[in-house]
Each structure stands twice: as structure tokens, then as C-alpha cells.
Amino acid sequence: SVFNEAIEKKWVEQWLFFANSTRFASAMAGADYGAFADGRWYMSKNVQEMADWLQFKLQGLKEAQGGEGVKGKK
């Protein structure tokens, strides 16, 4: 499968499910639905989890190369 890593599945979840729910809510259902029913709350949470994952991976890569981690931490 093309999407066999967790980060790829998170990305698909982000644009396919959460973005669609938010778009639908904007057009039809209203603010509460758009915020909580797989809407903006989950989009924000998912984006933060992907950013944390990326920072973790970059820090590990720099440490493996003998350099400093993200934000100057070893």
C-alpha cells in the first residue's frame, strides 16, 4: 500500500475526513458541528500531532548524525 506509515494515514485523515467535515459544516450544518464532529478541533489536533512527529524525527536524525537536535538541544 502507498499509505503504509502512520504519518501518511494521519495526512489522509486530515484532508479526506476532517477537511470534508469542516467544509460540510460550513455549508450546511452549523458552527457546533464544524467544530467538534470531526471538524476543526480534530483538524487542529491532527496538525499538531503531525508537527510533533516531524520535530521528533528531525531531532533524531540530527542526533544520529552527531549534530545538535532541534532548537539547539543535544
N, C-alpha and C. Protein backbone atom coordinates (compact mmCIF):
# COMPACT_ATOMS: atom_id res chain seq x y z
N SER A 1 0.83 -1.19 0.00
CA SER A 1 0.00 0.00 0.00
C SER A 1 0.87 1.25 0.00
N VAL A 2 0.43 2.25 -0.67
CA VAL A 2 1.16 3.51 -0.72
C VAL A 2 1.15 4.18 0.65
N PHE A 3 0.05 4.13 1.34
CA PHE A 3 -0.09 4.78 2.64
C PHE A 3 0.10 3.75 3.75
N ASN A 4 1.34 3.34 3.98
CA ASN A 4 1.59 2.30 4.97
C ASN A 4 2.27 2.81 6.23
N GLU A 5 2.54 4.09 6.32
CA GLU A 5 3.14 4.66 7.52
C GLU A 5 2.09 5.49 8.25
N ALA A 6 2.26 5.57 9.57
CA ALA A 6 1.28 6.28 10.41
C ALA A 6 1.12 7.74 9.99
N ILE A 7 2.21 8.41 9.66
CA ILE A 7 2.12 9.83 9.30
C ILE A 7 1.33 10.01 8.00
N GLU A 8 1.47 9.07 7.08
CA GLU A 8 0.70 9.15 5.83
C GLU A 8 -0.79 8.97 6.09
N LYS A 9 -1.11 8.06 6.99
CA LYS A 9 -2.52 7.85 7.33
C LYS A 9 -3.09 9.07 8.04
N LYS A 10 -2.29 9.71 8.88
CA LYS A 10 -2.73 10.94 9.54
C LYS A 10 -3.02 12.03 8.50
N TRP A 11 -2.15 12.13 7.49
CA TRP A 11 -2.34 13.15 6.46
C TRP A 11 -3.63 12.89 5.68
N VAL A 12 -3.88 11.63 5.33
CA VAL A 12 -5.11 11.29 4.61
C VAL A 12 -6.32 11.61 5.48
N GLU A 13 -6.23 11.25 6.76
CA GLU A 13 -7.31 11.56 7.69
C GLU A 13 -7.57 13.06 7.74
N GLN A 14 -6.49 13.83 7.69
CA GLN A 14 -6.59 15.29 7.77
C GLN A 14 -7.38 15.87 6.61
N TRP A 15 -6.95 15.56 5.39
CA TRP A 15 -7.59 16.21 4.25
C TRP A 15 -8.86 15.51 3.79
N LEU A 16 -8.97 14.20 4.00
CA LEU A 16 -10.14 13.49 3.49
C LEU A 16 -11.32 13.58 4.45
N PHE A 17 -11.07 13.33 5.72
CA PHE A 17 -12.19 13.27 6.66
C PHE A 17 -12.44 14.60 7.37
N PHE A 18 -11.41 15.12 8.03
CA PHE A 18 -11.62 16.33 8.83
C PHE A 18 -11.93 17.54 7.96
N ALA A 19 -11.23 17.70 6.86
CA ALA A 19 -11.49 18.84 5.99
C ALA A 19 -12.88 18.75 5.36
N ASN A 20 -13.29 17.55 4.98
CA ASN A 20 -14.62 17.38 4.40
C ASN A 20 -15.71 17.68 5.42
N SER A 21 -15.51 17.23 6.66
CA SER A 21 -16.49 17.51 7.71
C SER A 21 -16.61 19.01 7.95
N THR A 22 -15.48 19.69 7.97
CA THR A 22 -15.48 21.13 8.19
C THR A 22 -16.15 21.86 7.02
N ARG A 23 -15.85 21.43 5.81
CA ARG A 23 -16.47 22.04 4.63
C ARG A 23 -17.98 21.85 4.64
N PHE A 24 -18.41 20.63 4.95
CA PHE A 24 -19.84 20.35 5.02
C PHE A 24 -20.52 21.22 6.08
N ALA A 25 -19.89 21.32 7.23
CA ALA A 25 -20.47 22.12 8.32
C ALA A 25 -20.57 23.59 7.93
N SER A 26 -19.59 24.07 7.21
CA SER A 26 -19.62 25.48 6.78
C SER A 26 -20.80 25.74 5.86
N ALA A 27 -21.09 24.76 5.02
CA ALA A 27 -22.15 24.94 4.03
C ALA A 27 -23.53 24.61 4.57
N MET A 28 -23.62 23.64 5.48
CA MET A 28 -24.93 23.10 5.81
C MET A 28 -25.28 23.04 7.29
N ALA A 29 -24.38 22.56 8.12
CA ALA A 29 -24.78 22.10 9.44
C ALA A 29 -24.61 23.11 10.57
N GLY A 30 -23.70 24.02 10.46
CA GLY A 30 -23.55 25.00 11.52
C GLY A 30 -22.27 24.88 12.31
N ALA A 31 -22.08 25.83 13.19
CA ALA A 31 -20.80 26.01 13.88
C ALA A 31 -20.44 24.88 14.83
N ASP A 32 -21.37 24.39 15.63
CA ASP A 32 -21.04 23.34 16.59
C ASP A 32 -20.59 22.07 15.88
N TYR A 33 -21.28 21.71 14.83
CA TYR A 33 -20.90 20.52 14.07
C TYR A 33 -19.52 20.71 13.45
N GLY A 34 -19.26 21.87 12.92
CA GLY A 34 -17.97 22.14 12.29
C GLY A 34 -16.81 22.13 13.26
N ALA A 35 -17.07 22.46 14.50
CA ALA A 35 -16.00 22.50 15.49
C ALA A 35 -15.71 21.13 16.07
N PHE A 36 -16.73 20.32 16.33
CA PHE A 36 -16.50 19.11 17.11
C PHE A 36 -16.73 17.79 16.39
N ALA A 37 -17.61 17.68 15.46
CA ALA A 37 -17.90 16.40 14.81
C ALA A 37 -16.89 16.13 13.70
N ASP A 38 -15.69 15.72 14.09
CA ASP A 38 -14.57 15.51 13.15
C ASP A 38 -14.28 16.77 12.35
N GLY A 39 -14.42 17.90 12.99
CA GLY A 39 -14.21 19.18 12.32
C GLY A 39 -12.94 19.87 12.73
N ARG A 40 -13.05 21.17 13.01
CA ARG A 40 -11.86 21.99 13.26
C ARG A 40 -11.05 21.54 14.47
N TRP A 41 -11.71 21.07 15.52
CA TRP A 41 -10.99 20.60 16.71
C TRP A 41 -10.04 19.46 16.33
N TYR A 42 -10.54 18.47 15.59
CA TYR A 42 -9.71 17.33 15.21
C TYR A 42 -8.68 17.70 14.16
N MET A 43 -9.02 18.66 13.29
CA MET A 43 -8.02 19.12 12.33
C MET A 43 -6.84 19.75 13.04
N SER A 44 -7.11 20.61 14.02
CA SER A 44 -6.04 21.27 14.77
C SER A 44 -5.21 20.26 15.56
N LYS A 45 -5.89 19.32 16.19
CA LYS A 45 -5.21 18.28 16.96
C LYS A 45 -4.31 17.44 16.05
N ASN A 46 -4.82 17.07 14.91
CA ASN A 46 -4.08 16.23 13.98
C ASN A 46 -2.87 16.98 13.41
N VAL A 47 -3.03 18.25 13.07
CA VAL A 47 -1.91 19.05 12.57
C VAL A 47 -0.81 19.14 13.63
N GLN A 48 -1.19 19.36 14.89
CA GLN A 48 -0.20 19.44 15.96
C GLN A 48 0.52 18.11 16.15
N GLU A 49 -0.20 16.99 16.06
CA GLU A 49 0.44 15.68 16.18
C GLU A 49 1.42 15.45 15.04
N MET A 50 1.07 15.87 13.82
CA MET A 50 1.99 15.71 12.70
C MET A 50 3.22 16.60 12.87
N ALA A 51 3.04 17.81 13.38
CA ALA A 51 4.17 18.71 13.62
C ALA A 51 5.09 18.14 14.70
N ASP A 52 4.50 17.58 15.77
CA ASP A 52 5.30 16.95 16.82
C ASP A 52 6.08 15.77 16.27
N TRP A 53 5.44 14.97 15.43
CA TRP A 53 6.10 13.81 14.81
C TRP A 53 7.29 14.27 13.97
N LEU A 54 7.09 15.31 13.17
CA LEU A 54 8.16 15.82 12.32
C LEU A 54 9.32 16.34 13.16
N GLN A 55 9.03 17.08 14.21
CA GLN A 55 10.09 17.60 15.08
C GLN A 55 10.86 16.45 15.72
N PHE A 56 10.16 15.43 16.17
CA PHE A 56 10.80 14.26 16.77
C PHE A 56 11.72 13.57 15.77
N LYS A 57 11.25 13.38 14.55
CA LYS A 57 12.05 12.73 13.51
C LYS A 57 13.28 13.56 13.16
N LEU A 58 13.12 14.87 13.01
CA LEU A 58 14.25 15.73 12.67
C LEU A 58 15.28 15.75 13.79
N GLN A 59 14.82 15.78 15.02
CA GLN A 59 15.74 15.76 16.16
C GLN A 59 16.51 14.45 16.19
N GLY A 60 15.84 13.34 15.97
CA GLY A 60 16.51 12.05 15.95
C GLY A 60 17.53 11.95 14.83
N LEU A 61 17.20 12.51 13.68
CA LEU A 61 18.11 12.49 12.54
C LEU A 61 19.37 13.30 12.83
N LYS A 62 19.19 14.48 13.41
CA LYS A 62 20.36 15.32 13.73
C LYS A 62 21.23 14.66 14.79
N GLU A 63 20.61 14.05 15.79
CA GLU A 63 21.38 13.38 16.83
C GLU A 63 22.13 12.18 16.28
N ALA A 64 21.53 11.47 15.34
CA ALA A 64 22.18 10.32 14.72
C ALA A 64 23.38 10.75 13.88
N GLN A 65 23.34 11.96 13.36
CA GLN A 65 24.45 12.48 12.56
C GLN A 65 25.50 13.16 13.43
N GLY A 66 25.28 13.16 14.74
CA GLY A 66 26.26 13.75 15.64
C GLY A 66 26.10 15.23 15.87
N GLY A 67 25.07 15.82 15.32
CA GLY A 67 24.85 17.25 15.49
C GLY A 67 23.92 17.52 16.64
N GLU A 68 23.53 18.76 16.76
CA GLU A 68 22.60 19.14 17.80
C GLU A 68 21.18 18.89 17.34
N GLY A 69 20.29 18.69 18.29
CA GLY A 69 18.89 18.46 17.98
C GLY A 69 18.19 19.76 17.62
N VAL A 70 16.91 19.71 17.49
CA VAL A 70 16.10 20.87 17.16
C VAL A 70 16.20 21.90 18.29
N LYS A 71 16.26 23.17 17.94
CA LYS A 71 16.34 24.29 18.87
C LYS A 71 17.61 24.25 19.71
N GLY A 72 18.69 23.71 19.16
CA GLY A 72 19.99 23.77 19.83
C GLY A 72 20.15 22.82 21.00
N LYS A 73 19.26 21.86 21.17
CA LYS A 73 19.37 20.91 22.28
C LYS A 73 20.03 19.64 21.79
N LYS A 74 20.87 19.09 22.61
CA LYS A 74 21.51 17.83 22.25
C LYS A 74 20.70 16.66 22.69
